[in-house]
PDB file of N, CA and C in Angstrom:
ATOM      1  N   MET A   1      40.773 -31.961  54.574  1.00  0.00           N
ATOM      2  CA  MET A   1      40.840 -31.659  53.155  1.00  0.00           C
ATOM      3  C   MET A   1      40.962 -30.146  52.974  1.00  0.00           C
ATOM      4  N   MET A   2      41.842 -29.726  52.123  1.00  0.00           N
ATOM      5  CA  MET A   2      42.077 -28.315  51.898  1.00  0.00           C
ATOM      6  C   MET A   2      41.003 -27.760  50.945  1.00  0.00           C
ATOM      7  N   ASN A   3      40.419 -26.610  51.320  1.00  0.00           N
ATOM      8  CA  ASN A   3      39.461 -25.955  50.433  1.00  0.00           C
ATOM      9  C   ASN A   3      40.208 -25.329  49.265  1.00  0.00           C
ATOM     10  N   ARG A   4      39.639 -25.452  48.095  1.00  0.00           N
ATOM     11  CA  ARG A   4      40.219 -24.836  46.909  1.00  0.00           C
ATOM     12  C   ARG A   4      39.259 -23.771  46.407  1.00  0.00           C
ATOM     13  N   THR A   5      39.771 -22.737  45.819  1.00  0.00           N
ATOM     14  CA  THR A   5      38.948 -21.682  45.244  1.00  0.00           C
ATOM     15  C   THR A   5      39.021 -21.813  43.730  1.00  0.00           C
ATOM     16  N   LEU A   6      37.870 -21.835  43.103  1.00  0.00           N
ATOM     17  CA  LEU A   6      37.781 -21.971  41.653  1.00  0.00           C
ATOM     18  C   LEU A   6      36.971 -20.833  41.072  1.00  0.00           C
ATOM     19  N   ILE A   7      37.120 -20.608  39.794  1.00  0.00           N
ATOM     20  CA  ILE A   7      36.285 -19.676  39.054  1.00  0.00           C
ATOM     21  C   ILE A   7      35.456 -20.507  38.090  1.00  0.00           C
ATOM     22  N   LEU A   8      34.147 -20.324  38.167  1.00  0.00           N
ATOM     23  CA  LEU A   8      33.223 -21.056  37.305  1.00  0.00           C
ATOM     24  C   LEU A   8      32.568 -20.076  36.364  1.00  0.00           C
ATOM     25  N   ALA A   9      32.590 -20.357  35.084  1.00  0.00           N
ATOM     26  CA  ALA A   9      31.934 -19.502  34.102  1.00  0.00           C
ATOM     27  C   ALA A   9      30.559 -20.064  33.807  1.00  0.00           C
ATOM     28  N   LEU A  10      29.560 -19.253  34.041  1.00  0.00           N
ATOM     29  CA  LEU A  10      28.198 -19.632  33.701  1.00  0.00           C
ATOM     30  C   LEU A  10      27.850 -18.916  32.413  1.00  0.00           C
ATOM     31  N   SER A  11      27.652 -19.661  31.381  1.00  0.00           N
ATOM     32  CA  SER A  11      27.328 -19.080  30.095  1.00  0.00           C
ATOM     33  C   SER A  11      25.820 -19.076  29.936  1.00  0.00           C
ATOM     34  N   LEU A  12      25.253 -17.891  29.885  1.00  0.00           N
ATOM     35  CA  LEU A  12      23.820 -17.752  29.746  1.00  0.00           C
ATOM     36  C   LEU A  12      23.541 -17.294  28.316  1.00  0.00           C
ATOM     37  N   SER A  13      23.426 -18.235  27.420  1.00  0.00           N
ATOM     38  CA  SER A  13      23.239 -17.897  26.016  1.00  0.00           C
ATOM     39  C   SER A  13      21.762 -17.842  25.687  1.00  0.00           C
ATOM     40  N   VAL A  14      21.401 -16.886  24.888  1.00  0.00           N
ATOM     41  CA  VAL A  14      20.022 -16.750  24.449  1.00  0.00           C
ATOM     42  C   VAL A  14      19.917 -17.365  23.069  1.00  0.00           C
ATOM     43  N   ALA A  15      19.014 -18.316  22.905  1.00  0.00           N
ATOM     44  CA  ALA A  15      18.897 -19.066  21.658  1.00  0.00           C
ATOM     45  C   ALA A  15      18.481 -18.187  20.491  1.00  0.00           C
ATOM     46  N   ALA A  16      17.854 -17.053  20.741  1.00  0.00           N
ATOM     47  CA  ALA A  16      17.362 -16.203  19.662  1.00  0.00           C
ATOM     48  C   ALA A  16      18.480 -15.526  18.880  1.00  0.00           C
ATOM     49  N   VAL A  17      19.687 -15.472  19.416  1.00  0.00           N
ATOM     50  CA  VAL A  17      20.799 -14.809  18.751  1.00  0.00           C
ATOM     51  C   VAL A  17      21.759 -15.865  18.222  1.00  0.00           C
ATOM     52  N   PRO A  18      21.988 -15.897  16.907  1.00  0.00           N
ATOM     53  CA  PRO A  18      22.911 -16.883  16.343  1.00  0.00           C
ATOM     54  C   PRO A  18      24.314 -16.743  16.918  1.00  0.00           C
ATOM     55  N   ALA A  19      24.992 -17.861  17.035  1.00  0.00           N
ATOM     56  CA  ALA A  19      26.342 -17.872  17.619  1.00  0.00           C
ATOM     57  C   ALA A  19      27.299 -16.997  16.830  1.00  0.00           C
ATOM     58  N   ALA A  20      27.141 -16.943  15.514  1.00  0.00           N
ATOM     59  CA  ALA A  20      28.034 -16.144  14.681  1.00  0.00           C
ATOM     60  C   ALA A  20      27.890 -14.652  14.968  1.00  0.00           C
ATOM     61  N   ALA A  21      26.736 -14.235  15.479  1.00  0.00           N
ATOM     62  CA  ALA A  21      26.506 -12.823  15.749  1.00  0.00           C
ATOM     63  C   ALA A  21      27.056 -12.396  17.105  1.00  0.00           C
ATOM     64  N   GLN A  22      27.558 -13.317  17.876  1.00  0.00           N
ATOM     65  CA  GLN A  22      28.048 -13.020  19.214  1.00  0.00           C
ATOM     66  C   GLN A  22      29.495 -12.522  19.167  1.00  0.00           C
ATOM     67  N   THR A  23      29.639 -11.231  18.969  1.00  0.00           N
ATOM     68  CA  THR A  23      30.984 -10.677  18.936  1.00  0.00           C
ATOM     69  C   THR A  23      31.325  -9.975  20.234  1.00  0.00           C
ATOM     70  N   ASP A  24      30.385  -9.250  20.800  1.00  0.00           N
ATOM     71  CA  ASP A  24      30.596  -8.532  22.053  1.00  0.00           C
ATOM     72  C   ASP A  24      29.561  -9.030  23.051  1.00  0.00           C
ATOM     73  N   VAL A  25      29.936  -9.999  23.861  1.00  0.00           N
ATOM     74  CA  VAL A  25      29.012 -10.646  24.778  1.00  0.00           C
ATOM     75  C   VAL A  25      29.026  -9.930  26.128  1.00  0.00           C
ATOM     76  N   PRO A  26      27.873  -9.367  26.547  1.00  0.00           N
ATOM     77  CA  PRO A  26      27.814  -8.734  27.869  1.00  0.00           C
ATOM     78  C   PRO A  26      28.067  -9.774  28.965  1.00  0.00           C
ATOM     79  N   THR A  27      28.835  -9.394  29.965  1.00  0.00           N
ATOM     80  CA  THR A  27      29.205 -10.303  31.050  1.00  0.00           C
ATOM     81  C   THR A  27      29.058  -9.603  32.390  1.00  0.00           C
ATOM     82  N   ALA A  28      28.594 -10.354  33.383  1.00  0.00           N
ATOM     83  CA  ALA A  28      28.508  -9.831  34.752  1.00  0.00           C
ATOM     84  C   ALA A  28      29.164 -10.834  35.692  1.00  0.00           C
ATOM     85  N   ALA A  29      29.916 -10.326  36.644  1.00  0.00           N
ATOM     86  CA  ALA A  29      30.542 -11.184  37.647  1.00  0.00           C
ATOM     87  C   ALA A  29      29.609 -11.300  38.846  1.00  0.00           C
ATOM     88  N   VAL A  30      29.423 -12.527  39.317  1.00  0.00           N
ATOM     89  CA  VAL A  30      28.606 -12.789  40.498  1.00  0.00           C
ATOM     90  C   VAL A  30      29.534 -13.374  41.556  1.00  0.00           C
ATOM     91  N   SER A  31      29.771 -12.596  42.595  1.00  0.00           N
ATOM     92  CA  SER A  31      30.678 -13.028  43.643  1.00  0.00           C
ATOM     93  C   SER A  31      30.012 -14.046  44.559  1.00  0.00           C
ATOM     94  N   THR A  32      30.757 -15.088  44.881  1.00  0.00           N
ATOM     95  CA  THR A  32      30.287 -16.090  45.837  1.00  0.00           C
ATOM     96  C   THR A  32      31.282 -16.248  46.981  1.00  0.00           C
ATOM     97  N   SER A  33      32.278 -15.380  47.019  1.00  0.00           N
ATOM     98  CA  SER A  33      33.327 -15.523  48.030  1.00  0.00           C
ATOM     99  C   SER A  33      32.792 -15.373  49.453  1.00  0.00           C
ATOM    100  N   ASP A  34      31.670 -14.678  49.601  1.00  0.00           N
ATOM    101  CA  ASP A  34      31.089 -14.494  50.927  1.00  0.00           C
ATOM    102  C   ASP A  34      29.969 -15.497  51.223  1.00  0.00           C
ATOM    103  N   LEU A  35      29.768 -16.464  50.330  1.00  0.00           N
ATOM    104  CA  LEU A  35      28.689 -17.441  50.485  1.00  0.00           C
ATOM    105  C   LEU A  35      29.232 -18.817  50.845  1.00  0.00           C
ATOM    106  N   ASP A  36      28.497 -19.521  51.661  1.00  0.00           N
ATOM    107  CA  ASP A  36      28.758 -20.934  51.946  1.00  0.00           C
ATOM    108  C   ASP A  36      27.639 -21.703  51.262  1.00  0.00           C
ATOM    109  N   LEU A  37      27.920 -22.219  50.070  1.00  0.00           N
ATOM    110  CA  LEU A  37      26.884 -22.846  49.260  1.00  0.00           C
ATOM    111  C   LEU A  37      26.373 -24.167  49.821  1.00  0.00           C
ATOM    112  N   THR A  38      26.894 -24.579  50.955  1.00  0.00           N
ATOM    113  CA  THR A  38      26.331 -25.757  51.627  1.00  0.00           C
ATOM    114  C   THR A  38      25.126 -25.360  52.481  1.00  0.00           C
ATOM    115  N   ARG A  39      24.911 -24.067  52.685  1.00  0.00           N
ATOM    116  CA  ARG A  39      23.788 -23.564  53.476  1.00  0.00           C
ATOM    117  C   ARG A  39      22.661 -23.103  52.571  1.00  0.00           C
ATOM    118  N   ALA A  40      21.423 -23.446  52.921  1.00  0.00           N
ATOM    119  CA  ALA A  40      20.251 -23.088  52.115  1.00  0.00           C
ATOM    120  C   ALA A  40      20.114 -21.576  51.940  1.00  0.00           C
ATOM    121  N   ALA A  41      20.340 -20.829  52.994  1.00  0.00           N
ATOM    122  CA  ALA A  41      20.203 -19.368  52.907  1.00  0.00           C
ATOM    123  C   ALA A  41      21.193 -18.779  51.901  1.00  0.00           C
ATOM    124  N   ASP A  42      22.409 -19.295  51.858  1.00  0.00           N
ATOM    125  CA  ASP A  42      23.399 -18.794  50.907  1.00  0.00           C
ATOM    126  C   ASP A  42      23.109 -19.259  49.483  1.00  0.00           C
ATOM    127  N   ARG A  43      22.520 -20.443  49.333  1.00  0.00           N
ATOM    128  CA  ARG A  43      22.099 -20.881  47.996  1.00  0.00           C
ATOM    129  C   ARG A  43      20.989 -19.968  47.467  1.00  0.00           C
ATOM    130  N   GLU A  44      20.098 -19.520  48.355  1.00  0.00           N
ATOM    131  CA  GLU A  44      19.055 -18.569  47.955  1.00  0.00           C
ATOM    132  C   GLU A  44      19.671 -17.231  47.553  1.00  0.00           C
ATOM    133  N   ARG A  45      20.698 -16.804  48.277  1.00  0.00           N
ATOM    134  CA  ARG A  45      21.398 -15.563  47.914  1.00  0.00           C
ATOM    135  C   ARG A  45      22.051 -15.695  46.539  1.00  0.00           C
ATOM    136  N   LEU A  46      22.642 -16.851  46.256  1.00  0.00           N
ATOM    137  CA  LEU A  46      23.233 -17.083  44.940  1.00  0.00           C
ATOM    138  C   LEU A  46      22.163 -16.999  43.864  1.00  0.00           C
ATOM    139  N   ASP A  47      21.010 -17.614  44.102  1.00  0.00           N
ATOM    140  CA  ASP A  47      19.910 -17.577  43.145  1.00  0.00           C
ATOM    141  C   ASP A  47      19.476 -16.132  42.889  1.00  0.00           C
ATOM    142  N   THR A  48      19.367 -15.347  43.940  1.00  0.00           N
ATOM    143  CA  THR A  48      18.989 -13.935  43.800  1.00  0.00           C
ATOM    144  C   THR A  48      20.028 -13.173  42.984  1.00  0.00           C
ATOM    145  N   ARG A  49      21.300 -13.437  43.243  1.00  0.00           N
ATOM    146  CA  ARG A  49      22.376 -12.760  42.498  1.00  0.00           C
ATOM    147  C   ARG A  49      22.359 -13.145  41.021  1.00  0.00           C
ATOM    148  N   LEU A  50      22.122 -14.424  40.737  1.00  0.00           N
ATOM    149  CA  LEU A  50      22.072 -14.861  39.344  1.00  0.00           C
ATOM    150  C   LEU A  50      20.889 -14.222  38.617  1.00  0.00           C
ATOM    151  N   LYS A  51      19.734 -14.152  39.274  1.00  0.00           N
ATOM    152  CA  LYS A  51      18.565 -13.512  38.666  1.00  0.00           C
ATOM    153  C   LYS A  51      18.832 -12.038  38.397  1.00  0.00           C
ATOM    154  N   SER A  52      19.462 -11.379  39.341  1.00  0.00           N
ATOM    155  CA  SER A  52      19.782  -9.967  39.175  1.00  0.00           C
ATOM    156  C   SER A  52      20.745  -9.761  38.004  1.00  0.00           C
ATOM    157  N   ALA A  53      21.750 -10.627  37.905  1.00  0.00           N
ATOM    158  CA  ALA A  53      22.712 -10.522  36.802  1.00  0.00           C
ATOM    159  C   ALA A  53      22.028 -10.772  35.464  1.00  0.00           C
ATOM    160  N   ALA A  54      21.143 -11.756  35.407  1.00  0.00           N
ATOM    161  CA  ALA A  54      20.422 -12.045  34.163  1.00  0.00           C
ATOM    162  C   ALA A  54      19.538 -10.862  33.770  1.00  0.00           C
ATOM    163  N   ARG A  55      18.860 -10.254  34.734  1.00  0.00           N
ATOM    164  CA  ARG A  55      18.023  -9.081  34.434  1.00  0.00           C
ATOM    165  C   ARG A  55      18.872  -7.933  33.906  1.00  0.00           C
ATOM    166  N   ARG A  56      20.019  -7.689  34.556  1.00  0.00           N
ATOM    167  CA  ARG A  56      20.906  -6.610  34.094  1.00  0.00           C
ATOM    168  C   ARG A  56      21.377  -6.856  32.669  1.00  0.00           C
ATOM    169  N   LEU A  57      21.756  -8.091  32.385  1.00  0.00           N
ATOM    170  CA  LEU A  57      22.299  -8.407  31.062  1.00  0.00           C
ATOM    171  C   LEU A  57      21.234  -8.394  29.972  1.00  0.00           C
ATOM    172  N   CYS A  58      20.002  -8.708  30.327  1.00  0.00           N
ATOM    173  CA  CYS A  58      18.924  -8.767  29.332  1.00  0.00           C
ATOM    174  C   CYS A  58      18.223  -7.425  29.145  1.00  0.00           C
ATOM    175  N   ARG A  59      18.451  -6.494  30.044  1.00  0.00           N
ATOM    176  CA  ARG A  59      17.804  -5.176  29.957  1.00  0.00           C
ATOM    177  C   ARG A  59      18.485  -4.362  28.871  1.00  0.00           C
ATOM    178  N   SER A  60      17.695  -3.899  27.910  1.00  0.00           N
ATOM    179  CA  SER A  60      18.269  -3.107  26.824  1.00  0.00           C
ATOM    180  C   SER A  60      18.076  -1.616  27.032  1.00  0.00           C
ATOM    181  N   GLY A  61      17.122  -1.239  27.868  1.00  0.00           N
ATOM    182  CA  GLY A  61      16.846   0.173  28.061  1.00  0.00           C
ATOM    183  C   GLY A  61      15.835   0.717  27.076  1.00  0.00           C
ATOM    184  N   LEU A  62      15.465  -0.080  26.079  1.00  0.00           N
ATOM    185  CA  LEU A  62      14.464   0.343  25.102  1.00  0.00           C
ATOM    186  C   LEU A  62      13.077   0.139  25.699  1.00  0.00           C
ATOM    187  N   ARG A  63      12.155   0.962  25.292  1.00  0.00           N
ATOM    188  CA  ARG A  63      10.804   0.910  25.855  1.00  0.00           C
ATOM    189  C   ARG A  63       9.763   0.409  24.859  1.00  0.00           C
ATOM    190  N   SER A  64      10.154  -0.203  23.782  1.00  0.00           N
ATOM    191  CA  SER A  64       9.199  -0.664  22.777  1.00  0.00           C
ATOM    192  C   SER A  64       8.444  -1.898  23.273  1.00  0.00           C
ATOM    193  N   THR A  65       7.293  -2.139  22.692  1.00  0.00           N
ATOM    194  CA  THR A  65       6.486  -3.302  23.043  1.00  0.00           C
ATOM    195  C   THR A  65       7.247  -4.587  22.751  1.00  0.00           C
ATOM    196  N   ALA A  66       7.923  -4.632  21.623  1.00  0.00           N
ATOM    197  CA  ALA A  66       8.692  -5.828  21.256  1.00  0.00           C
ATOM    198  C   ALA A  66       9.810  -6.073  22.268  1.00  0.00           C
ATOM    199  N   GLU A  67      10.488  -5.026  22.688  1.00  0.00           N
ATOM    200  CA  GLU A  67      11.577  -5.181  23.656  1.00  0.00           C
ATOM    201  C   GLU A  67      11.041  -5.594  25.019  1.00  0.00           C
ATOM    202  N   ASN A  68       9.904  -5.028  25.417  1.00  0.00           N
ATOM    203  CA  ASN A  68       9.287  -5.410  26.690  1.00  0.00           C
ATOM    204  C   ASN A  68       8.881  -6.875  26.690  1.00  0.00           C
ATOM    205  N   ALA A  69       8.524  -7.414  25.552  1.00  0.00           N
ATOM    206  CA  ALA A  69       8.165  -8.829  25.441  1.00  0.00           C
ATOM    207  C   ALA A  69       9.416  -9.707  25.389  1.00  0.00           C
ATOM    208  N   ARG A  70      10.487  -9.223  24.792  1.00  0.00           N
ATOM    209  CA  ARG A  70      11.710 -10.003  24.631  1.00  0.00           C
ATOM    210  C   ARG A  70      12.472 -10.156  25.948  1.00  0.00           C
ATOM    211  N   GLU A  71      12.476  -9.133  26.772  1.00  0.00           N
ATOM    212  CA  GLU A  71      13.283  -9.141  27.988  1.00  0.00           C
ATOM    213  C   GLU A  71      12.953 -10.304  28.933  1.00  0.00           C
ATOM    214  N   PRO A  72      11.678 -10.562  29.259  1.00  0.00           N
ATOM    215  CA  PRO A  72      11.386 -11.703  30.144  1.00  0.00           C
ATOM    216  C   PRO A  72      11.800 -13.048  29.530  1.00  0.00           C
ATOM    217  N   ALA A  73      11.659 -13.172  28.225  1.00  0.00           N
ATOM    218  CA  ALA A  73      12.075 -14.412  27.559  1.00  0.00           C
ATOM    219  C   ALA A  73      13.585 -14.585  27.638  1.00  0.00           C
ATOM    220  N   CYS A  74      14.316 -13.500  27.502  1.00  0.00           N
ATOM    221  CA  CYS A  74      15.775 -13.529  27.615  1.00  0.00           C
ATOM    222  C   CYS A  74      16.191 -13.968  29.015  1.00  0.00           C
ATOM    223  N   ILE A  75      15.549 -13.387  30.027  1.00  0.00           N
ATOM    224  CA  ILE A  75      15.872 -13.719  31.417  1.00  0.00           C
ATOM    225  C   ILE A  75      15.563 -15.187  31.700  1.00  0.00           C
ATOM    226  N   ALA A  76      14.390 -15.638  31.263  1.00  0.00           N
ATOM    227  CA  ALA A  76      13.997 -17.030  31.499  1.00  0.00           C
ATOM    228  C   ALA A  76      14.962 -18.002  30.823  1.00  0.00           C
ATOM    229  N   ALA A  77      15.352 -17.702  29.595  1.00  0.00           N
ATOM    230  CA  ALA A  77      16.282 -18.575  28.872  1.00  0.00           C
ATOM    231  C   ALA A  77      17.656 -18.575  29.544  1.00  0.00           C
ATOM    232  N   ALA A  78      18.107 -17.419  29.972  1.00  0.00           N
ATOM    233  CA  ALA A  78      19.415 -17.318  30.629  1.00  0.00           C
ATOM    234  C   ALA A  78      19.434 -18.127  31.922  1.00  0.00           C
ATOM    235  N   LEU A  79      18.381 -18.005  32.716  1.00  0.00           N
ATOM    236  CA  LEU A  79      18.325 -18.742  33.982  1.00  0.00           C
ATOM    237  C   LEU A  79      18.171 -20.243  33.759  1.00  0.00           C
ATOM    238  N   ALA A  80      17.419 -20.635  32.744  1.00  0.00           N
ATOM    239  CA  ALA A  80      17.270 -22.061  32.433  1.00  0.00           C
ATOM    240  C   ALA A  80      18.601 -22.671  32.021  1.00  0.00           C
ATOM    241  N   ASN A  81      19.379 -21.921  31.251  1.00  0.00           N
ATOM    242  CA  ASN A  81      20.695 -22.409  30.831  1.00  0.00           C
ATOM    243  C   ASN A  81      21.689 -22.435  31.985  1.00  0.00           C
ATOM    244  N   ALA A  82      21.520 -21.539  32.952  1.00  0.00           N
ATOM    245  CA  ALA A  82      22.456 -21.451  34.079  1.00  0.00           C
ATOM    246  C   ALA A  82      22.169 -22.477  35.166  1.00  0.00           C
ATOM    247  N   ALA A  83      20.930 -22.955  35.249  1.00  0.00           N
ATOM    248  CA  ALA A  83      20.524 -23.843  36.344  1.00  0.00           C
ATOM    249  C   ALA A  83      21.433 -25.060  36.516  1.00  0.00           C
ATOM    250  N   PRO A  84      21.729 -25.830  35.465  1.00  0.00           N
ATOM    251  CA  PRO A  84      22.601 -27.005  35.663  1.00  0.00           C
ATOM    252  C   PRO A  84      24.008 -26.627  36.135  1.00  0.00           C
ATOM    253  N   GLN A  85      24.510 -25.507  35.657  1.00  0.00           N
ATOM    254  CA  GLN A  85      25.851 -25.083  36.046  1.00  0.00           C
ATOM    255  C   GLN A  85      25.866 -24.602  37.495  1.00  0.00           C
ATOM    256  N   ALA A  86      24.817 -23.916  37.918  1.00  0.00           N
ATOM    257  CA  ALA A  86      24.728 -23.477  39.316  1.00  0.00           C
ATOM    258  C   ALA A  86      24.618 -24.696  40.236  1.00  0.00           C
ATOM    259  N   GLU A  87      23.875 -25.698  39.800  1.00  0.00           N
ATOM    260  CA  GLU A  87      23.761 -26.933  40.590  1.00  0.00           C
ATOM    261  C   GLU A  87      25.124 -27.609  40.748  1.00  0.00           C
ATOM    262  N   ARG A  88      25.926 -27.585  39.705  1.00  0.00           N
ATOM    263  CA  ARG A  88      27.283 -28.155  39.801  1.00  0.00           C
ATOM    264  C   ARG A  88      28.133 -27.358  40.785  1.00  0.00           C
ATOM    265  N   ALA A  89      27.976 -26.039  40.792  1.00  0.00           N
ATOM    266  CA  ALA A  89      28.730 -25.206  41.733  1.00  0.00           C
ATOM    267  C   ALA A  89      28.348 -25.546  43.172  1.00  0.00           C
ATOM    268  N   ILE A  90      27.065 -25.766  43.399  1.00  0.00           N
ATOM    269  CA  ILE A  90      26.598 -26.140  44.733  1.00  0.00           C
ATOM    270  C   ILE A  90      27.136 -27.513  45.108  1.00  0.00           C
ATOM    271  N   ALA A  91      27.117 -28.446  44.175  1.00  0.00           N
ATOM    272  CA  ALA A  91      27.650 -29.788  44.441  1.00  0.00           C
ATOM    273  C   ALA A  91      29.139 -29.726  44.768  1.00  0.00           C
ATOM    274  N   GLN A  92      29.873 -28.881  44.070  1.00  0.00           N
ATOM    275  CA  GLN A  92      31.300 -28.733  44.353  1.00  0.00           C
ATOM    276  C   GLN A  92      31.514 -28.188  45.757  1.00  0.00           C
ATOM    277  N   ALA A  93      30.686 -27.221  46.159  1.00  0.00           N
ATOM    278  CA  ALA A  93      30.804 -26.654  47.505  1.00  0.00           C
ATOM    279  C   ALA A  93      30.546 -27.718  48.553  1.00  0.00           C
ATOM    280  N   GLN A  94      29.582 -28.587  48.287  1.00  0.00           N
ATOM    281  CA  GLN A  94      29.260 -29.637  49.236  1.00  0.00           C
ATOM    282  C   GLN A  94      30.370 -30.683  49.323  1.00  0.00           C
ATOM    283  N   SER A  95      31.207 -30.736  48.299  1.00  0.00           N
ATOM    284  CA  SER A  95      32.335 -31.668  48.345  1.00  0.00           C
ATOM    285  C   SER A  95      33.617 -31.004  48.836  1.00  0.00           C
ATOM    286  N   GLY A  96      33.516 -29.732  49.274  1.00  0.00           N
ATOM    287  CA  GLY A  96      34.670 -29.067  49.865  1.00  0.00           C
ATOM    288  C   GLY A  96      35.373 -28.061  48.988  1.00  0.00           C
ATOM    289  N   THR A  97      34.863 -27.777  47.812  1.00  0.00           N
ATOM    290  CA  THR A  97      35.482 -26.800  46.923  1.00  0.00           C
ATOM    291  C   THR A  97      34.696 -25.504  46.983  1.00  0.00           C
ATOM    292  N   GLN A  98      35.340 -24.425  47.396  1.00  0.00           N
ATOM    293  CA  GLN A  98      34.680 -23.129  47.509  1.00  0.00           C
ATOM    294  C   GLN A  98      34.877 -22.333  46.231  1.00  0.00           C
ATOM    295  N   LEU A  99      33.790 -21.873  45.638  1.00  0.00           N
ATOM    296  CA  LEU A  99      33.861 -21.033  44.444  1.00  0.00           C
ATOM    297  C   LEU A  99      33.930 -19.574  44.858  1.00  0.00           C
ATOM    298  N   ALA A 100      34.755 -18.795  44.187  1.00  0.00           N
ATOM    299  CA  ALA A 100      34.914 -17.390  44.535  1.00  0.00           C
ATOM    300  C   ALA A 100      34.134 -16.474  43.610  1.00  0.00           C
ATOM    301  N   LEU A 101      33.903 -16.903  42.377  1.00  0.00           N
ATOM    302  CA  LEU A 101      33.316 -16.004  41.396  1.00  0.00           C
ATOM    303  C   LEU A 101      32.609 -16.804  40.320  1.00  0.00           C
ATOM    304  N   LEU A 102      31.433 -16.359  39.932  1.00  0.00           N
ATOM    305  CA  LEU A 102      30.710 -16.921  38.801  1.00  0.00           C
ATOM    306  C   LEU A 102      30.638 -15.845  37.735  1.00  0.00           C
ATOM    307  N   MET A 103      30.969 -16.169  36.514  1.00  0.00           N
ATOM    308  CA  MET A 103      30.863 -15.223  35.419  1.00  0.00           C
ATOM    309  C   MET A 103      29.582 -15.548  34.651  1.00  0.00           C
ATOM    310  N   VAL A 104      28.686 -14.602  34.602  1.00  0.00           N
ATOM    311  CA  VAL A 104      27.401 -14.776  33.933  1.00  0.00           C
ATOM    312  C   VAL A 104      27.423 -13.976  32.650  1.00  0.00           C
ATOM    313  N   GLU A 105      27.051 -14.589  31.558  1.00  0.00           N
ATOM    314  CA  GLU A 105      27.030 -13.874  30.305  1.00  0.00           C
ATOM    315  C   GLU A 105      25.847 -14.293  29.463  1.00  0.00           C
ATOM    316  N   THR A 106      25.426 -13.392  28.618  1.00  0.00           N
ATOM    317  CA  THR A 106      24.329 -13.666  27.702  1.00  0.00           C
ATOM    318  C   THR A 106      24.580 -12.942  26.400  1.00  0.00           C
ATOM    319  N   ALA A 107      24.149 -13.515  25.315  1.00  0.00           N
ATOM    320  CA  ALA A 107      24.267 -12.868  24.006  1.00  0.00           C
ATOM    321  C   ALA A 107      23.069 -11.958  23.837  1.00  0.00           C
ATOM    322  N   ARG A 108      23.285 -10.753  23.386  1.00  0.00           N
ATOM    323  CA  ARG A 108      22.182  -9.784  23.208  1.00  0.00           C
ATOM    324  C   ARG A 108      21.979  -9.525  21.756  1.00  0.00           C
TER     325      ARG A 108
END
């Protein structure tokens, strides 16, 4: 069976921001071209990359108490929304489809 390369978009939407307000959505690319998602160690690397991307996207740079409280909630919501999609990417890899890139985005 021939391996195919696909691009999967992982949409990490934060429920606190209305959809109508989403005009400029921050996006981060998470490369998987060097990962074999059929291996546990590479699935852990993917998880680490997704967490890092979610932290980058949810970080505002503000130091207020309200912002410090909002950031962990943003990260948790983004990762919860991404989990089913990441599982599908892993399932695709196990069926012979190699993903090259995951696009992670969150509304800020």
